[in-house]
Amino acid sequence: MSLEERINELETRLAFQDDTIQALNDVLVMQQRVVERLQLQLAALAKRQEELIGQFGGGGDDDVPPPHY
């Protein structure tokens, strides 16, 4: 294999690697946005749950036997 062929092969590989890295980066950015959105939703749900527990008085009654005893 001549030097010119080797250089062409390396340039071709580099171009494909650049494309692959860019595609992977795009997917990573998209997934990070999804994760951030899910974290915000989870925080909102946790806050809402705490509000409902405070409103209806939940928890703490786990040791009390049911009324039919």
N, C-alpha and C. Protein backbone atom coordinates (compact mmCIF):
# COMPACT_ATOMS: atom_id res chain seq x y z
N MET A 1 0.85 -1.17 0.00
CA MET A 1 0.00 0.00 0.00
C MET A 1 0.90 1.24 0.00
N SER A 2 0.63 2.13 -0.91
CA SER A 2 1.46 3.32 -1.03
C SER A 2 1.10 4.34 0.06
N LEU A 3 1.97 5.29 0.23
CA LEU A 3 1.75 6.32 1.24
C LEU A 3 0.47 7.10 0.95
N GLU A 4 0.23 7.40 -0.31
CA GLU A 4 -0.98 8.15 -0.68
C GLU A 4 -2.24 7.35 -0.36
N GLU A 5 -2.23 6.05 -0.62
CA GLU A 5 -3.38 5.20 -0.30
C GLU A 5 -3.60 5.13 1.21
N ARG A 6 -2.51 5.03 1.95
CA ARG A 6 -2.63 4.99 3.40
C ARG A 6 -3.21 6.29 3.95
N ILE A 7 -2.76 7.41 3.40
CA ILE A 7 -3.29 8.71 3.84
C ILE A 7 -4.77 8.82 3.49
N ASN A 8 -5.16 8.40 2.30
CA ASN A 8 -6.57 8.43 1.91
C ASN A 8 -7.41 7.55 2.84
N GLU A 9 -6.90 6.37 3.17
CA GLU A 9 -7.60 5.47 4.09
C GLU A 9 -7.79 6.12 5.46
N LEU A 10 -6.73 6.74 5.96
CA LEU A 10 -6.81 7.41 7.26
C LEU A 10 -7.78 8.59 7.23
N GLU A 11 -7.78 9.35 6.16
CA GLU A 11 -8.70 10.48 6.04
C GLU A 11 -10.14 9.99 5.97
N THR A 12 -10.36 8.88 5.27
CA THR A 12 -11.70 8.31 5.18
C THR A 12 -12.18 7.85 6.55
N ARG A 13 -11.32 7.15 7.26
CA ARG A 13 -11.67 6.70 8.61
C ARG A 13 -11.95 7.88 9.53
N LEU A 14 -11.13 8.90 9.44
CA LEU A 14 -11.33 10.08 10.27
C LEU A 14 -12.68 10.73 9.99
N ALA A 15 -13.05 10.82 8.73
CA ALA A 15 -14.33 11.43 8.37
C ALA A 15 -15.49 10.62 8.96
N PHE A 16 -15.43 9.29 8.85
CA PHE A 16 -16.48 8.46 9.43
C PHE A 16 -16.51 8.58 10.95
N GLN A 17 -15.36 8.65 11.56
CA GLN A 17 -15.31 8.79 13.01
C GLN A 17 -15.89 10.13 13.45
N ASP A 18 -15.59 11.18 12.71
CA ASP A 18 -16.16 12.49 13.02
C ASP A 18 -17.68 12.46 12.93
N ASP A 19 -18.20 11.83 11.90
CA ASP A 19 -19.65 11.71 11.75
C ASP A 19 -20.26 10.91 12.90
N THR A 20 -19.60 9.83 13.28
CA THR A 20 -20.10 8.99 14.37
C THR A 20 -20.07 9.75 15.69
N ILE A 21 -19.00 10.47 15.95
CA ILE A 21 -18.90 11.25 17.19
C ILE A 21 -19.99 12.31 17.23
N GLN A 22 -20.25 12.97 16.12
CA GLN A 22 -21.29 14.00 16.09
C GLN A 22 -22.66 13.38 16.32
N ALA A 23 -22.93 12.23 15.71
CA ALA A 23 -24.21 11.56 15.90
C ALA A 23 -24.38 11.15 17.36
N LEU A 24 -23.33 10.61 17.97
CA LEU A 24 -23.40 10.22 19.37
C LEU A 24 -23.60 11.44 20.27
N ASN A 25 -22.95 12.53 19.96
CA ASN A 25 -23.13 13.75 20.73
C ASN A 25 -24.56 14.26 20.63
N ASP A 26 -25.14 14.22 19.44
CA ASP A 26 -26.53 14.66 19.26
C ASP A 26 -27.48 13.82 20.12
N VAL A 27 -27.26 12.52 20.13
CA VAL A 27 -28.11 11.63 20.94
C VAL A 27 -27.92 11.92 22.42
N LEU A 28 -26.68 12.15 22.83
CA LEU A 28 -26.40 12.44 24.23
C LEU A 28 -27.08 13.73 24.67
N VAL A 29 -27.03 14.75 23.85
CA VAL A 29 -27.68 16.02 24.17
C VAL A 29 -29.18 15.82 24.30
N MET A 30 -29.78 15.07 23.38
CA MET A 30 -31.21 14.81 23.44
C MET A 30 -31.58 14.04 24.71
N GLN A 31 -30.79 13.03 25.05
CA GLN A 31 -31.06 12.25 26.25
C GLN A 31 -30.91 13.10 27.50
N GLN A 32 -29.95 13.99 27.52
CA GLN A 32 -29.77 14.87 28.68
C GLN A 32 -30.98 15.77 28.86
N ARG A 33 -31.54 16.27 27.77
CA ARG A 33 -32.75 17.09 27.86
C ARG A 33 -33.91 16.28 28.42
N VAL A 34 -34.04 15.04 27.99
CA VAL A 34 -35.10 14.16 28.49
C VAL A 34 -34.91 13.91 29.98
N VAL A 35 -33.68 13.64 30.39
CA VAL A 35 -33.39 13.38 31.81
C VAL A 35 -33.74 14.62 32.64
N GLU A 36 -33.35 15.78 32.18
CA GLU A 36 -33.65 17.02 32.91
C GLU A 36 -35.16 17.22 33.03
N ARG A 37 -35.89 16.97 31.95
CA ARG A 37 -37.35 17.12 31.98
C ARG A 37 -37.97 16.12 32.96
N LEU A 38 -37.49 14.89 32.96
CA LEU A 38 -38.00 13.88 33.88
C LEU A 38 -37.68 14.23 35.33
N GLN A 39 -36.50 14.80 35.57
CA GLN A 39 -36.16 15.21 36.93
C GLN A 39 -37.09 16.31 37.42
N LEU A 40 -37.43 17.25 36.55
CA LEU A 40 -38.36 18.31 36.92
C LEU A 40 -39.74 17.74 37.21
N GLN A 41 -40.19 16.79 36.38
CA GLN A 41 -41.49 16.17 36.61
C GLN A 41 -41.50 15.38 37.91
N LEU A 42 -40.42 14.68 38.20
CA LEU A 42 -40.34 13.92 39.43
C LEU A 42 -40.37 14.84 40.65
N ALA A 43 -39.67 15.93 40.57
CA ALA A 43 -39.67 16.89 41.68
C ALA A 43 -41.07 17.47 41.88
N ALA A 44 -41.76 17.77 40.79
CA ALA A 44 -43.12 18.30 40.90
C ALA A 44 -44.06 17.26 41.51
N LEU A 45 -43.91 16.00 41.10
CA LEU A 45 -44.75 14.95 41.67
C LEU A 45 -44.46 14.74 43.15
N ALA A 46 -43.20 14.79 43.54
CA ALA A 46 -42.84 14.63 44.95
C ALA A 46 -43.42 15.77 45.78
N LYS A 47 -43.36 16.98 45.25
CA LYS A 47 -43.93 18.13 45.94
C LYS A 47 -45.44 17.98 46.07
N ARG A 48 -46.08 17.55 45.01
CA ARG A 48 -47.53 17.36 45.04
C ARG A 48 -47.93 16.27 46.04
N GLN A 49 -47.14 15.21 46.11
CA GLN A 49 -47.42 14.14 47.06
C GLN A 49 -47.30 14.66 48.50
N GLU A 50 -46.27 15.44 48.76
CA GLU A 50 -46.12 16.01 50.10
C GLU A 50 -47.31 16.91 50.44
N GLU A 51 -47.78 17.68 49.46
CA GLU A 51 -48.93 18.55 49.69
C GLU A 51 -50.17 17.72 50.01
N LEU A 52 -50.37 16.64 49.27
CA LEU A 52 -51.54 15.79 49.51
C LEU A 52 -51.46 15.09 50.86
N ILE A 53 -50.26 14.65 51.23
CA ILE A 53 -50.10 14.02 52.55
C ILE A 53 -50.40 15.03 53.64
N GLY A 54 -49.94 16.25 53.46
CA GLY A 54 -50.22 17.30 54.45
C GLY A 54 -51.69 17.65 54.50
N GLN A 55 -52.35 17.63 53.36
CA GLN A 55 -53.76 17.97 53.28
C GLN A 55 -54.64 16.91 53.92
N PHE A 56 -54.38 15.67 53.62
CA PHE A 56 -55.24 14.58 54.08
C PHE A 56 -54.65 13.84 55.27
N GLY A 57 -53.53 14.29 55.76
CA GLY A 57 -52.90 13.65 56.92
C GLY A 57 -52.61 12.19 56.65
N GLY A 58 -51.51 11.91 56.09
CA GLY A 58 -51.16 10.53 55.80
C GLY A 58 -49.99 10.10 56.64
N GLY A 59 -49.63 8.85 56.51
CA GLY A 59 -48.46 8.32 57.20
C GLY A 59 -48.66 8.25 58.70
N GLY A 60 -47.78 7.63 59.39
CA GLY A 60 -47.83 7.57 60.83
C GLY A 60 -48.88 6.63 61.40
N ASP A 61 -49.88 6.25 60.66
CA ASP A 61 -50.96 5.40 61.14
C ASP A 61 -50.71 3.93 60.78
N ASP A 62 -49.52 3.60 60.37
CA ASP A 62 -49.24 2.24 59.94
C ASP A 62 -49.28 1.23 61.08
N ASP A 63 -49.03 1.68 62.32
CA ASP A 63 -49.00 0.77 63.46
C ASP A 63 -50.38 0.57 64.09
N VAL A 64 -51.35 1.36 63.73
CA VAL A 64 -52.69 1.24 64.28
C VAL A 64 -53.41 0.09 63.59
N PRO A 65 -54.00 -0.83 64.37
CA PRO A 65 -54.72 -1.93 63.73
C PRO A 65 -55.97 -1.44 63.03
N PRO A 66 -56.43 -2.15 62.03
CA PRO A 66 -57.67 -1.75 61.33
C PRO A 66 -58.86 -1.74 62.30
N PRO A 67 -59.91 -1.00 61.97
CA PRO A 67 -61.05 -0.84 62.91
C PRO A 67 -61.80 -2.15 63.20
N HIS A 68 -61.69 -3.15 62.38
CA HIS A 68 -62.45 -4.38 62.61
C HIS A 68 -61.83 -5.27 63.69
N TYR A 69 -60.71 -4.88 64.28
CA TYR A 69 -60.11 -5.69 65.36
C TYR A 69 -60.68 -5.32 66.68
